[in-house]
């Protein structure tokens, strides 16, 4: 019998993907925030799953990382 992994919420997926993509590009939270025209603490809160982020801010982060909004919510490979 296969063990099912728990489904991740959209907030968890966003946080994990944002952190992973930011680190892969060698960006600090401050640098990403600057590119997305957001505050550094806002980016930190999103990465810690402490903020319920608007679509406008998801779009800003996606553009700053040069990815699609869908990429920020993609499930991890199994």
PDB file of N, CA and C in Angstrom:
ATOM      1  N   UNK A   1       0.830  -1.175   0.000  1.00  0.00           N
ATOM      2  CA  UNK A   1       0.000   0.000   0.000  1.00  0.00           C
ATOM      3  C   UNK A   1       0.879   1.246   0.000  1.00  0.00           C
ATOM      4  N   UNK A   2       0.587   2.163  -0.919  1.00  0.00           N
ATOM      5  CA  UNK A   2       1.347   3.403  -1.007  1.00  0.00           C
ATOM      6  C   UNK A   2       0.904   4.372   0.088  1.00  0.00           C
ATOM      7  N   UNK A   3       1.872   5.059   0.641  1.00  0.00           N
ATOM      8  CA  UNK A   3       1.556   6.098   1.614  1.00  0.00           C
ATOM      9  C   UNK A   3       1.383   7.404   0.861  1.00  0.00           C
ATOM     10  N   UNK A   4       0.248   8.045   1.085  1.00  0.00           N
ATOM     11  CA  UNK A   4      -0.015   9.325   0.416  1.00  0.00           C
ATOM     12  C   UNK A   4       0.623  10.458   1.197  1.00  0.00           C
ATOM     13  N   UNK A   5       1.311  11.316   0.486  1.00  0.00           N
ATOM     14  CA  UNK A   5       1.862  12.510   1.105  1.00  0.00           C
ATOM     15  C   UNK A   5       0.742  13.529   1.261  1.00  0.00           C
ATOM     16  N   UNK A   6       0.776  14.286   2.330  1.00  0.00           N
ATOM     17  CA  UNK A   6      -0.274  15.292   2.507  1.00  0.00           C
ATOM     18  C   UNK A   6      -0.195  16.359   1.414  1.00  0.00           C
ATOM     19  N   UNK A   7      -1.364  16.821   0.994  1.00  0.00           N
ATOM     20  CA  UNK A   7      -1.421  17.895  -0.001  1.00  0.00           C
ATOM     21  C   UNK A   7      -0.915  19.189   0.628  1.00  0.00           C
ATOM     22  N   UNK A   8      -0.172  19.941  -0.129  1.00  0.00           N
ATOM     23  CA  UNK A   8       0.300  21.240   0.339  1.00  0.00           C
ATOM     24  C   UNK A   8      -0.724  22.297  -0.041  1.00  0.00           C
ATOM     25  N   UNK A   9      -0.922  23.262   0.836  1.00  0.00           N
ATOM     26  CA  UNK A   9      -1.826  24.367   0.535  1.00  0.00           C
ATOM     27  C   UNK A   9      -1.167  25.294  -0.475  1.00  0.00           C
ATOM     28  N   UNK A  10      -1.957  26.151  -1.081  1.00  0.00           N
ATOM     29  CA  UNK A  10      -1.422  27.127  -2.036  1.00  0.00           C
ATOM     30  C   UNK A  10      -0.396  28.018  -1.353  1.00  0.00           C
ATOM     31  N   UNK A  11      -0.665  28.398  -0.117  1.00  0.00           N
ATOM     32  CA  UNK A  11       0.281  29.249   0.626  1.00  0.00           C
ATOM     33  C   UNK A  11       1.601  28.520   0.848  1.00  0.00           C
ATOM     34  N   UNK A  12       1.546  27.217   1.169  1.00  0.00           N
ATOM     35  CA  UNK A  12       2.770  26.440   1.372  1.00  0.00           C
ATOM     36  C   UNK A  12       3.540  26.271   0.070  1.00  0.00           C
ATOM     37  N   UNK A  13       2.835  25.977  -1.016  1.00  0.00           N
ATOM     38  CA  UNK A  13       3.494  25.841  -2.320  1.00  0.00           C
ATOM     39  C   UNK A  13       4.177  27.139  -2.723  1.00  0.00           C
ATOM     40  N   UNK A  14       3.469  28.248  -2.559  1.00  0.00           N
ATOM     41  CA  UNK A  14       4.042  29.550  -2.900  1.00  0.00           C
ATOM     42  C   UNK A  14       5.301  29.811  -2.085  1.00  0.00           C
ATOM     43  N   UNK A  15       5.230  29.569  -0.798  1.00  0.00           N
ATOM     44  CA  UNK A  15       6.381  29.822   0.071  1.00  0.00           C
ATOM     45  C   UNK A  15       7.580  28.965  -0.332  1.00  0.00           C
ATOM     46  N   UNK A  16       7.353  27.678  -0.544  1.00  0.00           N
ATOM     47  CA  UNK A  16       8.449  26.780  -0.907  1.00  0.00           C
ATOM     48  C   UNK A  16       9.054  27.140  -2.255  1.00  0.00           C
ATOM     49  N   UNK A  17       8.197  27.409  -3.239  1.00  0.00           N
ATOM     50  CA  UNK A  17       8.699  27.746  -4.574  1.00  0.00           C
ATOM     51  C   UNK A  17       9.388  29.103  -4.592  1.00  0.00           C
ATOM     52  N   UNK A  18       8.839  30.059  -3.878  1.00  0.00           N
ATOM     53  CA  UNK A  18       9.457  31.385  -3.832  1.00  0.00           C
ATOM     54  C   UNK A  18      10.860  31.294  -3.231  1.00  0.00           C
ATOM     55  N   UNK A  19      10.970  30.611  -2.126  1.00  0.00           N
ATOM     56  CA  UNK A  19      12.267  30.450  -1.472  1.00  0.00           C
ATOM     57  C   UNK A  19      13.257  29.726  -2.383  1.00  0.00           C
ATOM     58  N   UNK A  20      12.812  28.651  -2.991  1.00  0.00           N
ATOM     59  CA  UNK A  20      13.680  27.864  -3.868  1.00  0.00           C
ATOM     60  C   UNK A  20      14.149  28.674  -5.085  1.00  0.00           C
ATOM     61  N   UNK A  21      13.219  29.340  -5.737  1.00  0.00           N
ATOM     62  CA  UNK A  21      13.571  30.133  -6.919  1.00  0.00           C
ATOM     63  C   UNK A  21      14.475  31.313  -6.557  1.00  0.00           C
ATOM     64  N   UNK A  22      14.179  31.959  -5.448  1.00  0.00           N
ATOM     65  CA  UNK A  22      15.007  33.096  -5.018  1.00  0.00           C
ATOM     66  C   UNK A  22      16.437  32.638  -4.753  1.00  0.00           C
ATOM     67  N   UNK A  23      16.574  31.545  -4.019  1.00  0.00           N
ATOM     68  CA  UNK A  23      17.915  31.036  -3.715  1.00  0.00           C
ATOM     69  C   UNK A  23      18.643  30.555  -4.970  1.00  0.00           C
ATOM     70  N   UNK A  24      17.916  29.905  -5.878  1.00  0.00           N
ATOM     71  CA  UNK A  24      18.529  29.415  -7.115  1.00  0.00           C
ATOM     72  C   UNK A  24      19.097  30.559  -7.948  1.00  0.00           C
ATOM     73  N   UNK A  25      18.495  31.719  -7.819  1.00  0.00           N
ATOM     74  CA  UNK A  25      18.964  32.891  -8.570  1.00  0.00           C
ATOM     75  C   UNK A  25      19.971  33.721  -7.778  1.00  0.00           C
ATOM     76  N   UNK A  26      20.281  33.275  -6.578  1.00  0.00           N
ATOM     77  CA  UNK A  26      21.271  33.961  -5.761  1.00  0.00           C
ATOM     78  C   UNK A  26      20.800  35.319  -5.257  1.00  0.00           C
ATOM     79  N   UNK A  27      19.487  35.461  -5.080  1.00  0.00           N
ATOM     80  CA  UNK A  27      18.929  36.735  -4.629  1.00  0.00           C
ATOM     81  C   UNK A  27      18.666  36.728  -3.129  1.00  0.00           C
ATOM     82  N   UNK A  28      18.932  37.830  -2.493  1.00  0.00           N
ATOM     83  CA  UNK A  28      18.519  38.004  -1.104  1.00  0.00           C
ATOM     84  C   UNK A  28      17.040  38.376  -1.092  1.00  0.00           C
ATOM     85  N   UNK A  29      16.425  38.294   0.070  1.00  0.00           N
ATOM     86  CA  UNK A  29      15.042  38.747   0.186  1.00  0.00           C
ATOM     87  C   UNK A  29      14.946  40.226  -0.183  1.00  0.00           C
ATOM     88  N   UNK A  30      15.932  40.986   0.222  1.00  0.00           N
ATOM     89  CA  UNK A  30      15.942  42.414  -0.070  1.00  0.00           C
ATOM     90  C   UNK A  30      16.024  42.673  -1.577  1.00  0.00           C
ATOM     91  N   UNK A  31      16.886  41.942  -2.272  1.00  0.00           N
ATOM     92  CA  UNK A  31      17.037  42.125  -3.721  1.00  0.00           C
ATOM     93  C   UNK A  31      15.762  41.737  -4.464  1.00  0.00           C
ATOM     94  N   UNK A  32      15.145  40.622  -4.060  1.00  0.00           N
ATOM     95  CA  UNK A  32      13.896  40.213  -4.690  1.00  0.00           C
ATOM     96  C   UNK A  32      12.808  41.242  -4.417  1.00  0.00           C
ATOM     97  N   UNK A  33      12.725  41.697  -3.190  1.00  0.00           N
ATOM     98  CA  UNK A  33      11.721  42.704  -2.834  1.00  0.00           C
ATOM     99  C   UNK A  33      11.909  43.970  -3.667  1.00  0.00           C
ATOM    100  N   UNK A  34      13.140  44.397  -3.846  1.00  0.00           N
ATOM    101  CA  UNK A  34      13.419  45.583  -4.649  1.00  0.00           C
ATOM    102  C   UNK A  34      12.937  45.386  -6.080  1.00  0.00           C
ATOM    103  N   UNK A  35      13.255  44.238  -6.669  1.00  0.00           N
ATOM    104  CA  UNK A  35      12.848  43.961  -8.055  1.00  0.00           C
ATOM    105  C   UNK A  35      11.325  43.894  -8.195  1.00  0.00           C
ATOM    106  N   UNK A  36      10.645  43.401  -7.157  1.00  0.00           N
ATOM    107  CA  UNK A  36       9.188  43.270  -7.197  1.00  0.00           C
ATOM    108  C   UNK A  36       8.486  44.522  -6.664  1.00  0.00           C
ATOM    109  N   UNK A  37       9.264  45.503  -6.234  1.00  0.00           N
ATOM    110  CA  UNK A  37       8.739  46.738  -5.645  1.00  0.00           C
ATOM    111  C   UNK A  37       7.876  46.452  -4.418  1.00  0.00           C
ATOM    112  N   UNK A  38       8.399  45.557  -3.578  1.00  0.00           N
ATOM    113  CA  UNK A  38       7.755  45.193  -2.326  1.00  0.00           C
ATOM    114  C   UNK A  38       8.747  45.419  -1.192  1.00  0.00           C
ATOM    115  N   UNK A  39       8.287  45.323   0.036  1.00  0.00           N
ATOM    116  CA  UNK A  39       9.174  45.483   1.188  1.00  0.00           C
ATOM    117  C   UNK A  39       9.824  44.150   1.522  1.00  0.00           C
ATOM    118  N   UNK A  40      11.063  44.200   1.989  1.00  0.00           N
ATOM    119  CA  UNK A  40      11.793  42.980   2.322  1.00  0.00           C
ATOM    120  C   UNK A  40      11.058  42.140   3.363  1.00  0.00           C
ATOM    121  N   UNK A  41      10.479  42.773   4.363  1.00  0.00           N
ATOM    122  CA  UNK A  41       9.784  42.000   5.394  1.00  0.00           C
ATOM    123  C   UNK A  41       8.549  41.304   4.827  1.00  0.00           C
ATOM    124  N   UNK A  42       7.948  41.894   3.788  1.00  0.00           N
ATOM    125  CA  UNK A  42       6.802  41.254   3.144  1.00  0.00           C
ATOM    126  C   UNK A  42       7.238  39.940   2.505  1.00  0.00           C
ATOM    127  N   UNK A  43       8.356  39.966   1.790  1.00  0.00           N
ATOM    128  CA  UNK A  43       8.881  38.751   1.160  1.00  0.00           C
ATOM    129  C   UNK A  43       9.194  37.712   2.240  1.00  0.00           C
ATOM    130  N   UNK A  44       9.790  38.139   3.335  1.00  0.00           N
ATOM    131  CA  UNK A  44      10.098  37.216   4.437  1.00  0.00           C
ATOM    132  C   UNK A  44       8.822  36.590   4.992  1.00  0.00           C
ATOM    133  N   UNK A  45       7.786  37.388   5.151  1.00  0.00           N
ATOM    134  CA  UNK A  45       6.512  36.865   5.663  1.00  0.00           C
ATOM    135  C   UNK A  45       5.887  35.860   4.699  1.00  0.00           C
ATOM    136  N   UNK A  46       5.985  36.122   3.413  1.00  0.00           N
ATOM    137  CA  UNK A  46       5.441  35.187   2.420  1.00  0.00           C
ATOM    138  C   UNK A  46       6.212  33.868   2.489  1.00  0.00           C
ATOM    139  N   UNK A  47       7.526  33.940   2.563  1.00  0.00           N
ATOM    140  CA  UNK A  47       8.344  32.731   2.633  1.00  0.00           C
ATOM    141  C   UNK A  47       8.085  31.934   3.914  1.00  0.00           C
ATOM    142  N   UNK A  48       7.671  32.611   4.982  1.00  0.00           N
ATOM    143  CA  UNK A  48       7.363  31.931   6.246  1.00  0.00           C
ATOM    144  C   UNK A  48       5.897  31.533   6.356  1.00  0.00           C
ATOM    145  N   UNK A  49       5.150  31.774   5.280  1.00  0.00           N
ATOM    146  CA  UNK A  49       3.711  31.444   5.237  1.00  0.00           C
ATOM    147  C   UNK A  49       2.896  32.277   6.208  1.00  0.00           C
ATOM    148  N   UNK A  50       3.368  33.459   6.542  1.00  0.00           N
ATOM    149  CA  UNK A  50       2.696  34.307   7.518  1.00  0.00           C
ATOM    150  C   UNK A  50       1.783  35.349   6.872  1.00  0.00           C
ATOM    151  N   UNK A  51       1.795  35.444   5.552  1.00  0.00           N
ATOM    152  CA  UNK A  51       0.983  36.445   4.850  1.00  0.00           C
ATOM    153  C   UNK A  51       0.079  35.768   3.845  1.00  0.00           C
ATOM    154  N   UNK A  52      -1.127  36.304   3.740  1.00  0.00           N
ATOM    155  CA  UNK A  52      -2.062  35.900   2.695  1.00  0.00           C
ATOM    156  C   UNK A  52      -1.880  36.919   1.576  1.00  0.00           C
ATOM    157  N   UNK A  53      -1.185  36.528   0.548  1.00  0.00           N
ATOM    158  CA  UNK A  53      -0.700  37.447  -0.485  1.00  0.00           C
ATOM    159  C   UNK A  53      -1.752  37.654  -1.578  1.00  0.00           C
ATOM    160  N   UNK A  54      -1.813  38.863  -2.111  1.00  0.00           N
ATOM    161  CA  UNK A  54      -2.752  39.174  -3.196  1.00  0.00           C
ATOM    162  C   UNK A  54      -2.193  38.687  -4.537  1.00  0.00           C
ATOM    163  N   UNK A  55      -3.088  38.544  -5.493  1.00  0.00           N
ATOM    164  CA  UNK A  55      -2.650  38.141  -6.837  1.00  0.00           C
ATOM    165  C   UNK A  55      -1.727  39.182  -7.452  1.00  0.00           C
ATOM    166  N   UNK A  56      -1.961  40.448  -7.173  1.00  0.00           N
ATOM    167  CA  UNK A  56      -1.081  41.492  -7.699  1.00  0.00           C
ATOM    168  C   UNK A  56       0.352  41.296  -7.214  1.00  0.00           C
ATOM    169  N   UNK A  57       0.509  40.917  -5.946  1.00  0.00           N
ATOM    170  CA  UNK A  57       1.848  40.706  -5.406  1.00  0.00           C
ATOM    171  C   UNK A  57       2.457  39.399  -5.898  1.00  0.00           C
ATOM    172  N   UNK A  58       1.635  38.378  -6.111  1.00  0.00           N
ATOM    173  CA  UNK A  58       2.146  37.133  -6.723  1.00  0.00           C
ATOM    174  C   UNK A  58       2.679  37.455  -8.113  1.00  0.00           C
ATOM    175  N   UNK A  59       1.926  38.246  -8.857  1.00  0.00           N
ATOM    176  CA  UNK A  59       2.363  38.634 -10.199  1.00  0.00           C
ATOM    177  C   UNK A  59       3.671  39.413 -10.152  1.00  0.00           C
ATOM    178  N   UNK A  60       3.805  40.330  -9.207  1.00  0.00           N
ATOM    179  CA  UNK A  60       5.031  41.122  -9.080  1.00  0.00           C
ATOM    180  C   UNK A  60       6.223  40.224  -8.765  1.00  0.00           C
ATOM    181  N   UNK A  61       6.035  39.264  -7.883  1.00  0.00           N
ATOM    182  CA  UNK A  61       7.124  38.345  -7.542  1.00  0.00           C
ATOM    183  C   UNK A  61       7.478  37.451  -8.726  1.00  0.00           C
ATOM    184  N   UNK A  62       6.468  36.964  -9.438  1.00  0.00           N
ATOM    185  CA  UNK A  62       6.725  36.129 -10.614  1.00  0.00           C
ATOM    186  C   UNK A  62       7.518  36.900 -11.663  1.00  0.00           C
ATOM    187  N   UNK A  63       7.128  38.137 -11.910  1.00  0.00           N
ATOM    188  CA  UNK A  63       7.862  38.955 -12.887  1.00  0.00           C
ATOM    189  C   UNK A  63       9.292  39.196 -12.439  1.00  0.00           C
ATOM    190  N   UNK A  64       9.479  39.472 -11.152  1.00  0.00           N
ATOM    191  CA  UNK A  64      10.827  39.720 -10.635  1.00  0.00           C
ATOM    192  C   UNK A  64      11.714  38.485 -10.766  1.00  0.00           C
ATOM    193  N   UNK A  65      11.108  37.300 -10.679  1.00  0.00           N
ATOM    194  CA  UNK A  65      11.860  36.046 -10.813  1.00  0.00           C
ATOM    195  C   UNK A  65      11.882  35.527 -12.249  1.00  0.00           C
ATOM    196  N   UNK A  66      11.163  36.215 -13.143  1.00  0.00           N
ATOM    197  CA  UNK A  66      11.074  35.823 -14.550  1.00  0.00           C
ATOM    198  C   UNK A  66      10.493  34.410 -14.717  1.00  0.00           C
ATOM    199  N   UNK A  67       9.401  34.161 -13.974  1.00  0.00           N
ATOM    200  CA  UNK A  67       8.668  32.899 -14.079  1.00  0.00           C
ATOM    201  C   UNK A  67       7.188  33.224 -14.208  1.00  0.00           C
ATOM    202  N   UNK A  68       6.394  32.214 -14.549  1.00  0.00           N
ATOM    203  CA  UNK A  68       4.953  32.422 -14.599  1.00  0.00           C
ATOM    204  C   UNK A  68       4.377  32.340 -13.188  1.00  0.00           C
ATOM    205  N   UNK A  69       3.193  32.892 -13.024  1.00  0.00           N
ATOM    206  CA  UNK A  69       2.518  32.784 -11.737  1.00  0.00           C
ATOM    207  C   UNK A  69       2.262  31.316 -11.416  1.00  0.00           C
ATOM    208  N   UNK A  70       1.944  30.530 -12.428  1.00  0.00           N
ATOM    209  CA  UNK A  70       1.697  29.093 -12.216  1.00  0.00           C
ATOM    210  C   UNK A  70       2.931  28.397 -11.657  1.00  0.00           C
ATOM    211  N   UNK A  71       4.126  28.830 -12.078  1.00  0.00           N
ATOM    212  CA  UNK A  71       5.358  28.234 -11.568  1.00  0.00           C
ATOM    213  C   UNK A  71       5.472  28.400 -10.057  1.00  0.00           C
ATOM    214  N   UNK A  72       4.939  29.494  -9.538  1.00  0.00           N
ATOM    215  CA  UNK A  72       5.030  29.733  -8.093  1.00  0.00           C
ATOM    216  C   UNK A  72       4.109  28.814  -7.294  1.00  0.00           C
ATOM    217  N   UNK A  73       3.145  28.178  -7.971  1.00  0.00           N
ATOM    218  CA  UNK A  73       2.222  27.275  -7.279  1.00  0.00           C
ATOM    219  C   UNK A  73       2.381  25.821  -7.724  1.00  0.00           C
ATOM    220  N   UNK A  74       3.428  25.545  -8.488  1.00  0.00           N
ATOM    221  CA  UNK A  74       3.647  24.182  -8.993  1.00  0.00           C
ATOM    222  C   UNK A  74       3.982  23.245  -7.854  1.00  0.00           C
ATOM    223  N   UNK A  75       3.370  22.065  -7.851  1.00  0.00           N
ATOM    224  CA  UNK A  75       3.724  21.093  -6.804  1.00  0.00           C
ATOM    225  C   UNK A  75       5.126  20.554  -7.023  1.00  0.00           C
ATOM    226  N   UNK A  76       5.770  20.139  -5.944  1.00  0.00           N
ATOM    227  CA  UNK A  76       7.118  19.582  -6.086  1.00  0.00           C
ATOM    228  C   UNK A  76       7.059  18.237  -6.810  1.00  0.00           C
ATOM    229  N   UNK A  77       8.127  17.871  -7.488  1.00  0.00           N
ATOM    230  CA  UNK A  77       8.141  16.557  -8.163  1.00  0.00           C
ATOM    231  C   UNK A  77       8.065  15.446  -7.120  1.00  0.00           C
ATOM    232  N   UNK A  78       7.397  14.371  -7.480  1.00  0.00           N
ATOM    233  CA  UNK A  78       7.246  13.235  -6.533  1.00  0.00           C
ATOM    234  C   UNK A  78       8.169  12.123  -6.911  1.00  0.00           C
TER     235      UNK A  78
END
